[in-house]
PDB file of all heavy atoms in Angstrom:
ATOM      1  N   ARG A   1      90.532 155.528 139.343  1.00  0.00           N
ATOM      2  CA  ARG A   1      90.461 154.077 139.409  1.00  0.00           C
ATOM      3  C   ARG A   1      89.499 153.551 138.337  1.00  0.00           C
ATOM      4  O   ARG A   1      89.766 152.488 137.741  1.00  0.00           O
ATOM      5  CB  ARG A   1      90.013 153.616 140.820  1.00  0.00           C
ATOM      6  CG  ARG A   1      91.027 153.840 141.898  1.00  0.00           C
ATOM      7  CD  ARG A   1      92.300 153.078 141.660  1.00  0.00           C
ATOM      8  NE  ARG A   1      93.437 153.680 142.341  1.00  0.00           N
ATOM      9  CZ  ARG A   1      94.663 153.733 141.866  1.00  0.00           C
ATOM     10  NH1 ARG A   1      94.940 153.227 140.684  1.00  0.00           N
ATOM     11  NH2 ARG A   1      95.636 154.288 142.559  1.00  0.00           N
ATOM     12  N   ILE A   2      88.390 154.227 138.123  1.00  0.00           N
ATOM     13  CA  ILE A   2      87.459 153.813 137.079  1.00  0.00           C
ATOM     14  C   ILE A   2      88.153 153.876 135.715  1.00  0.00           C
ATOM     15  O   ILE A   2      88.021 152.985 134.890  1.00  0.00           O
ATOM     16  CB  ILE A   2      86.211 154.718 137.105  1.00  0.00           C
ATOM     17  CG1 ILE A   2      85.416 154.490 138.403  1.00  0.00           C
ATOM     18  CG2 ILE A   2      85.324 154.422 135.889  1.00  0.00           C
ATOM     19  CD1 ILE A   2      84.344 155.537 138.622  1.00  0.00           C
ATOM     20  N   ALA A   3      88.858 154.968 135.484  1.00  0.00           N
ATOM     21  CA  ALA A   3      89.474 155.207 134.174  1.00  0.00           C
ATOM     22  C   ALA A   3      90.615 154.235 133.884  1.00  0.00           C
ATOM     23  O   ALA A   3      90.894 153.920 132.722  1.00  0.00           O
ATOM     24  CB  ALA A   3      89.977 156.641 134.085  1.00  0.00           C
ATOM     25  N   THR A   4      91.286 153.745 134.913  1.00  0.00           N
ATOM     26  CA  THR A   4      92.479 152.914 134.710  1.00  0.00           C
ATOM     27  C   THR A   4      92.250 151.430 134.965  1.00  0.00           C
ATOM     28  O   THR A   4      93.160 150.637 134.806  1.00  0.00           O
ATOM     29  CB  THR A   4      93.620 153.404 135.603  1.00  0.00           C
ATOM     30  OG1 THR A   4      93.182 153.435 136.987  1.00  0.00           O
ATOM     31  CG2 THR A   4      94.064 154.814 135.212  1.00  0.00           C
ATOM     32  N   LEU A   5      90.993 151.075 135.340  1.00  0.00           N
ATOM     33  CA  LEU A   5      90.704 149.648 135.527  1.00  0.00           C
ATOM     34  C   LEU A   5      90.658 148.944 134.187  1.00  0.00           C
ATOM     35  O   LEU A   5      89.884 149.344 133.320  1.00  0.00           O
ATOM     36  CB  LEU A   5      89.380 149.491 136.276  1.00  0.00           C
ATOM     37  CG  LEU A   5      89.034 148.077 136.748  1.00  0.00           C
ATOM     38  CD1 LEU A   5      89.967 147.640 137.901  1.00  0.00           C
ATOM     39  CD2 LEU A   5      87.576 148.000 137.203  1.00  0.00           C
ATOM     40  N   THR A   6      91.415 147.904 133.992  1.00  0.00           N
ATOM     41  CA  THR A   6      91.464 147.192 132.702  1.00  0.00           C
ATOM     42  C   THR A   6      90.870 145.791 132.839  1.00  0.00           C
ATOM     43  O   THR A   6      90.894 145.183 133.894  1.00  0.00           O
ATOM     44  CB  THR A   6      92.908 147.083 132.189  1.00  0.00           C
ATOM     45  OG1 THR A   6      93.708 146.377 133.169  1.00  0.00           O
ATOM     46  CG2 THR A   6      93.506 148.449 131.927  1.00  0.00           C
ATOM     47  N   PHE A   7      90.280 145.356 131.734  1.00  0.00           N
ATOM     48  CA  PHE A   7      89.621 144.048 131.686  1.00  0.00           C
ATOM     49  C   PHE A   7      90.676 142.957 131.573  1.00  0.00           C
ATOM     50  O   PHE A   7      91.707 143.141 130.904  1.00  0.00           O
ATOM     51  CB  PHE A   7      88.719 144.062 130.447  1.00  0.00           C
ATOM     52  CG  PHE A   7      87.682 142.972 130.406  1.00  0.00           C
ATOM     53  CD1 PHE A   7      86.734 142.865 131.418  1.00  0.00           C
ATOM     54  CD2 PHE A   7      87.658 142.045 129.374  1.00  0.00           C
ATOM     55  CE1 PHE A   7      85.768 141.871 131.384  1.00  0.00           C
ATOM     56  CE2 PHE A   7      86.697 141.064 129.326  1.00  0.00           C
ATOM     57  CZ  PHE A   7      85.740 140.985 130.342  1.00  0.00           C
ATOM     58  N   ARG A   8      90.442 141.837 132.235  1.00  0.00           N
ATOM     59  CA  ARG A   8      91.375 140.715 132.112  1.00  0.00           C
ATOM     60  C   ARG A   8      91.313 140.100 130.710  1.00  0.00           C
ATOM     61  O   ARG A   8      92.329 139.790 130.085  1.00  0.00           O
ATOM     62  CB  ARG A   8      91.103 139.629 133.150  1.00  0.00           C
ATOM     63  CG  ARG A   8      92.061 138.426 132.999  1.00  0.00           C
ATOM     64  CD  ARG A   8      91.627 137.281 133.915  1.00  0.00           C
ATOM     65  NE  ARG A   8      92.457 136.106 133.730  1.00  0.00           N
ATOM     66  CZ  ARG A   8      92.252 135.177 132.792  1.00  0.00           C
ATOM     67  NH1 ARG A   8      91.229 135.297 131.961  1.00  0.00           N
ATOM     68  NH2 ARG A   8      93.047 134.150 132.694  1.00  0.00           N
ATOM     69  N   GLY A   9      90.079 139.937 130.209  1.00  0.00           N
ATOM     70  CA  GLY A   9      89.911 139.383 128.882  1.00  0.00           C
ATOM     71  C   GLY A   9      90.149 137.884 128.840  1.00  0.00           C
ATOM     72  O   GLY A   9      89.876 137.172 129.825  1.00  0.00           O
ATOM     73  N   VAL A  10      90.610 137.370 127.716  1.00  0.00           N
ATOM     74  CA  VAL A  10      90.821 135.919 127.524  1.00  0.00           C
ATOM     75  C   VAL A  10      92.321 135.647 127.559  1.00  0.00           C
ATOM     76  O   VAL A  10      93.050 135.992 126.607  1.00  0.00           O
ATOM     77  CB  VAL A  10      90.165 135.403 126.239  1.00  0.00           C
ATOM     78  CG1 VAL A  10      88.666 135.427 126.390  1.00  0.00           C
ATOM     79  CG2 VAL A  10      90.548 136.273 125.025  1.00  0.00           C
ATOM     80  N   LYS A  11      92.812 135.041 128.614  1.00  0.00           N
ATOM     81  CA  LYS A  11      94.268 134.869 128.781  1.00  0.00           C
ATOM     82  C   LYS A  11      94.653 133.420 129.018  1.00  0.00           C
ATOM     83  O   LYS A  11      95.846 133.105 128.975  1.00  0.00           O
ATOM     84  CB  LYS A  11      94.747 135.720 129.946  1.00  0.00           C
ATOM     85  CG  LYS A  11      94.571 137.244 129.746  1.00  0.00           C
ATOM     86  CD  LYS A  11      95.349 137.775 128.555  1.00  0.00           C
ATOM     87  CE  LYS A  11      95.406 139.300 128.536  1.00  0.00           C
ATOM     88  NZ  LYS A  11      94.052 139.883 128.265  1.00  0.00           N
ATOM     89  N   GLY A  12      93.699 132.532 129.363  1.00  0.00           N
ATOM     90  CA  GLY A  12      94.077 131.157 129.602  1.00  0.00           C
ATOM     91  C   GLY A  12      94.576 130.896 130.997  1.00  0.00           C
ATOM     92  O   GLY A  12      94.558 131.741 131.864  1.00  0.00           O
ATOM     93  N   THR A  13      95.071 129.670 131.159  1.00  0.00           N
ATOM     94  CA  THR A  13      95.358 129.154 132.494  1.00  0.00           C
ATOM     95  C   THR A  13      96.492 129.879 133.220  1.00  0.00           C
ATOM     96  O   THR A  13      96.463 130.064 134.422  1.00  0.00           O
ATOM     97  CB  THR A  13      95.701 127.664 132.432  1.00  0.00           C
ATOM     98  OG1 THR A  13      96.716 127.463 131.473  1.00  0.00           O
ATOM     99  CG2 THR A  13      94.479 126.884 132.052  1.00  0.00           C
ATOM    100  N   THR A  14      97.549 130.228 132.523  1.00  0.00           N
ATOM    101  CA  THR A  14      98.630 130.993 133.161  1.00  0.00           C
ATOM    102  C   THR A  14      98.883 132.325 132.481  1.00  0.00           C
ATOM    103  O   THR A  14      99.916 132.952 132.659  1.00  0.00           O
ATOM    104  CB  THR A  14      99.955 130.174 133.130  1.00  0.00           C
ATOM    105  OG1 THR A  14     100.267 129.848 131.781  1.00  0.00           O
ATOM    106  CG2 THR A  14      99.835 128.922 133.998  1.00  0.00           C
ATOM    107  N   GLY A  15      97.897 132.761 131.728  1.00  0.00           N
ATOM    108  CA  GLY A  15      97.991 134.085 131.126  1.00  0.00           C
ATOM    109  C   GLY A  15      98.663 134.110 129.772  1.00  0.00           C
ATOM    110  O   GLY A  15      98.872 135.174 129.187  1.00  0.00           O
ATOM    111  N   THR A  16      99.045 132.933 129.245  1.00  0.00           N
ATOM    112  CA  THR A  16      99.817 132.879 127.999  1.00  0.00           C
ATOM    113  C   THR A  16      98.942 132.819 126.758  1.00  0.00           C
ATOM    114  O   THR A  16      99.436 132.906 125.617  1.00  0.00           O
ATOM    115  CB  THR A  16     100.743 131.663 127.986  1.00  0.00           C
ATOM    116  OG1 THR A  16      99.954 130.487 127.971  1.00  0.00           O
ATOM    117  CG2 THR A  16     101.650 131.649 129.211  1.00  0.00           C
ATOM    118  N   GLN A  17      97.626 132.594 126.893  1.00  0.00           N
ATOM    119  CA  GLN A  17      96.687 132.451 125.806  1.00  0.00           C
ATOM    120  C   GLN A  17      96.970 131.210 124.959  1.00  0.00           C
ATOM    121  O   GLN A  17      96.510 131.073 123.809  1.00  0.00           O
ATOM    122  CB  GLN A  17      96.643 133.674 124.913  1.00  0.00           C
ATOM    123  CG  GLN A  17      96.211 134.949 125.663  1.00  0.00           C
ATOM    124  CD  GLN A  17      96.187 136.182 124.804  1.00  0.00           C
ATOM    125  OE1 GLN A  17      97.212 136.516 124.150  1.00  0.00           O
ATOM    126  NE2 GLN A  17      95.063 136.911 124.788  1.00  0.00           N
ATOM    127  N   ALA A  18      97.686 130.241 125.536  1.00  0.00           N
ATOM    128  CA  ALA A  18      98.072 129.038 124.789  1.00  0.00           C
ATOM    129  C   ALA A  18      96.846 128.272 124.276  1.00  0.00           C
ATOM    130  O   ALA A  18      96.852 127.763 123.171  1.00  0.00           O
ATOM    131  CB  ALA A  18      98.952 128.185 125.645  1.00  0.00           C
ATOM    132  N   SER A  19      95.831 128.160 125.136  1.00  0.00           N
ATOM    133  CA  SER A  19      94.641 127.381 124.729  1.00  0.00           C
ATOM    134  C   SER A  19      93.933 128.003 123.542  1.00  0.00           C
ATOM    135  O   SER A  19      93.437 127.330 122.622  1.00  0.00           O
ATOM    136  CB  SER A  19      93.670 127.249 125.882  1.00  0.00           C
ATOM    137  OG  SER A  19      93.256 128.508 126.366  1.00  0.00           O
ATOM    138  N   PHE A  20      93.869 129.326 123.482  1.00  0.00           N
ATOM    139  CA  PHE A  20      93.204 130.007 122.380  1.00  0.00           C
ATOM    140  C   PHE A  20      94.092 129.991 121.118  1.00  0.00           C
ATOM    141  O   PHE A  20      93.555 129.912 120.006  1.00  0.00           O
ATOM    142  CB  PHE A  20      92.899 131.467 122.767  1.00  0.00           C
ATOM    143  CG  PHE A  20      91.934 131.513 123.954  1.00  0.00           C
ATOM    144  CD1 PHE A  20      92.387 131.864 125.202  1.00  0.00           C
ATOM    145  CD2 PHE A  20      90.597 131.214 123.776  1.00  0.00           C
ATOM    146  CE1 PHE A  20      91.541 131.882 126.284  1.00  0.00           C
ATOM    147  CE2 PHE A  20      89.742 131.231 124.858  1.00  0.00           C
ATOM    148  CZ  PHE A  20      90.184 131.577 126.117  1.00  0.00           C
ATOM    149  N   LEU A  21      95.390 129.996 121.325  1.00  0.00           N
ATOM    150  CA  LEU A  21      96.281 129.883 120.172  1.00  0.00           C
ATOM    151  C   LEU A  21      96.130 128.523 119.525  1.00  0.00           C
ATOM    152  O   LEU A  21      96.113 128.383 118.271  1.00  0.00           O
ATOM    153  CB  LEU A  21      97.736 130.100 120.637  1.00  0.00           C
ATOM    154  CG  LEU A  21      98.772 130.305 119.517  1.00  0.00           C
ATOM    155  CD1 LEU A  21      98.468 131.570 118.717  1.00  0.00           C
ATOM    156  CD2 LEU A  21     100.170 130.377 120.101  1.00  0.00           C
ATOM    157  N   ALA A  22      95.898 127.491 120.352  1.00  0.00           N
ATOM    158  CA  ALA A  22      95.659 126.161 119.836  1.00  0.00           C
ATOM    159  C   ALA A  22      94.346 126.063 119.096  1.00  0.00           C
ATOM    160  O   ALA A  22      94.228 125.444 118.021  1.00  0.00           O
ATOM    161  CB  ALA A  22      95.695 125.120 120.987  1.00  0.00           C
ATOM    162  N   LEU A  23      93.308 126.707 119.644  1.00  0.00           N
ATOM    163  CA  LEU A  23      91.978 126.708 118.981  1.00  0.00           C
ATOM    164  C   LEU A  23      92.060 127.312 117.596  1.00  0.00           C
ATOM    165  O   LEU A  23      91.401 126.824 116.665  1.00  0.00           O
ATOM    166  CB  LEU A  23      90.968 127.459 119.842  1.00  0.00           C
ATOM    167  CG  LEU A  23      90.357 126.775 121.046  1.00  0.00           C
ATOM    168  CD1 LEU A  23      89.448 127.709 121.822  1.00  0.00           C
ATOM    169  CD2 LEU A  23      89.567 125.525 120.633  1.00  0.00           C
ATOM    170  N   PHE A  24      92.822 128.386 117.483  1.00  0.00           N
ATOM    171  CA  PHE A  24      92.922 129.091 116.196  1.00  0.00           C
ATOM    172  C   PHE A  24      94.164 128.675 115.413  1.00  0.00           C
ATOM    173  O   PHE A  24      94.653 129.413 114.582  1.00  0.00           O
ATOM    174  CB  PHE A  24      92.906 130.615 116.421  1.00  0.00           C
ATOM    175  CG  PHE A  24      91.532 131.137 116.756  1.00  0.00           C
ATOM    176  CD1 PHE A  24      91.183 131.405 118.101  1.00  0.00           C
ATOM    177  CD2 PHE A  24      90.604 131.347 115.796  1.00  0.00           C
ATOM    178  CE1 PHE A  24      89.914 131.885 118.428  1.00  0.00           C
ATOM    179  CE2 PHE A  24      89.314 131.815 116.094  1.00  0.00           C
ATOM    180  CZ  PHE A  24      88.992 132.087 117.440  1.00  0.00           C
ATOM    181  N   GLN A  25      94.671 127.502 115.735  1.00  0.00           N
ATOM    182  CA  GLN A  25      95.736 126.856 114.964  1.00  0.00           C
ATOM    183  C   GLN A  25      96.931 127.764 114.766  1.00  0.00           C
ATOM    184  O   GLN A  25      97.479 127.903 113.641  1.00  0.00           O
ATOM    185  CB  GLN A  25      95.194 126.372 113.614  1.00  0.00           C
ATOM    186  CG  GLN A  25      94.070 125.362 113.774  1.00  0.00           C
ATOM    187  CD  GLN A  25      93.513 124.853 112.448  1.00  0.00           C
ATOM    188  OE1 GLN A  25      93.589 125.568 111.427  1.00  0.00           O
ATOM    189  NE2 GLN A  25      92.954 123.668 112.456  1.00  0.00           N
ATOM    190  N   GLY A  26      97.365 128.393 115.866  1.00  0.00           N
ATOM    191  CA  GLY A  26      98.573 129.196 115.862  1.00  0.00           C
ATOM    192  C   GLY A  26      98.408 130.586 115.284  1.00  0.00           C
ATOM    193  O   GLY A  26      99.411 131.280 115.088  1.00  0.00           O
TER     194      GLY A  26
END
């Protein structure tokens, strides 16, 4: 379980990373 636990990271409101894509202008 330790080895396979993955970080969520930065994914945005529904997981699409749309807000970050907008910040970095596509």
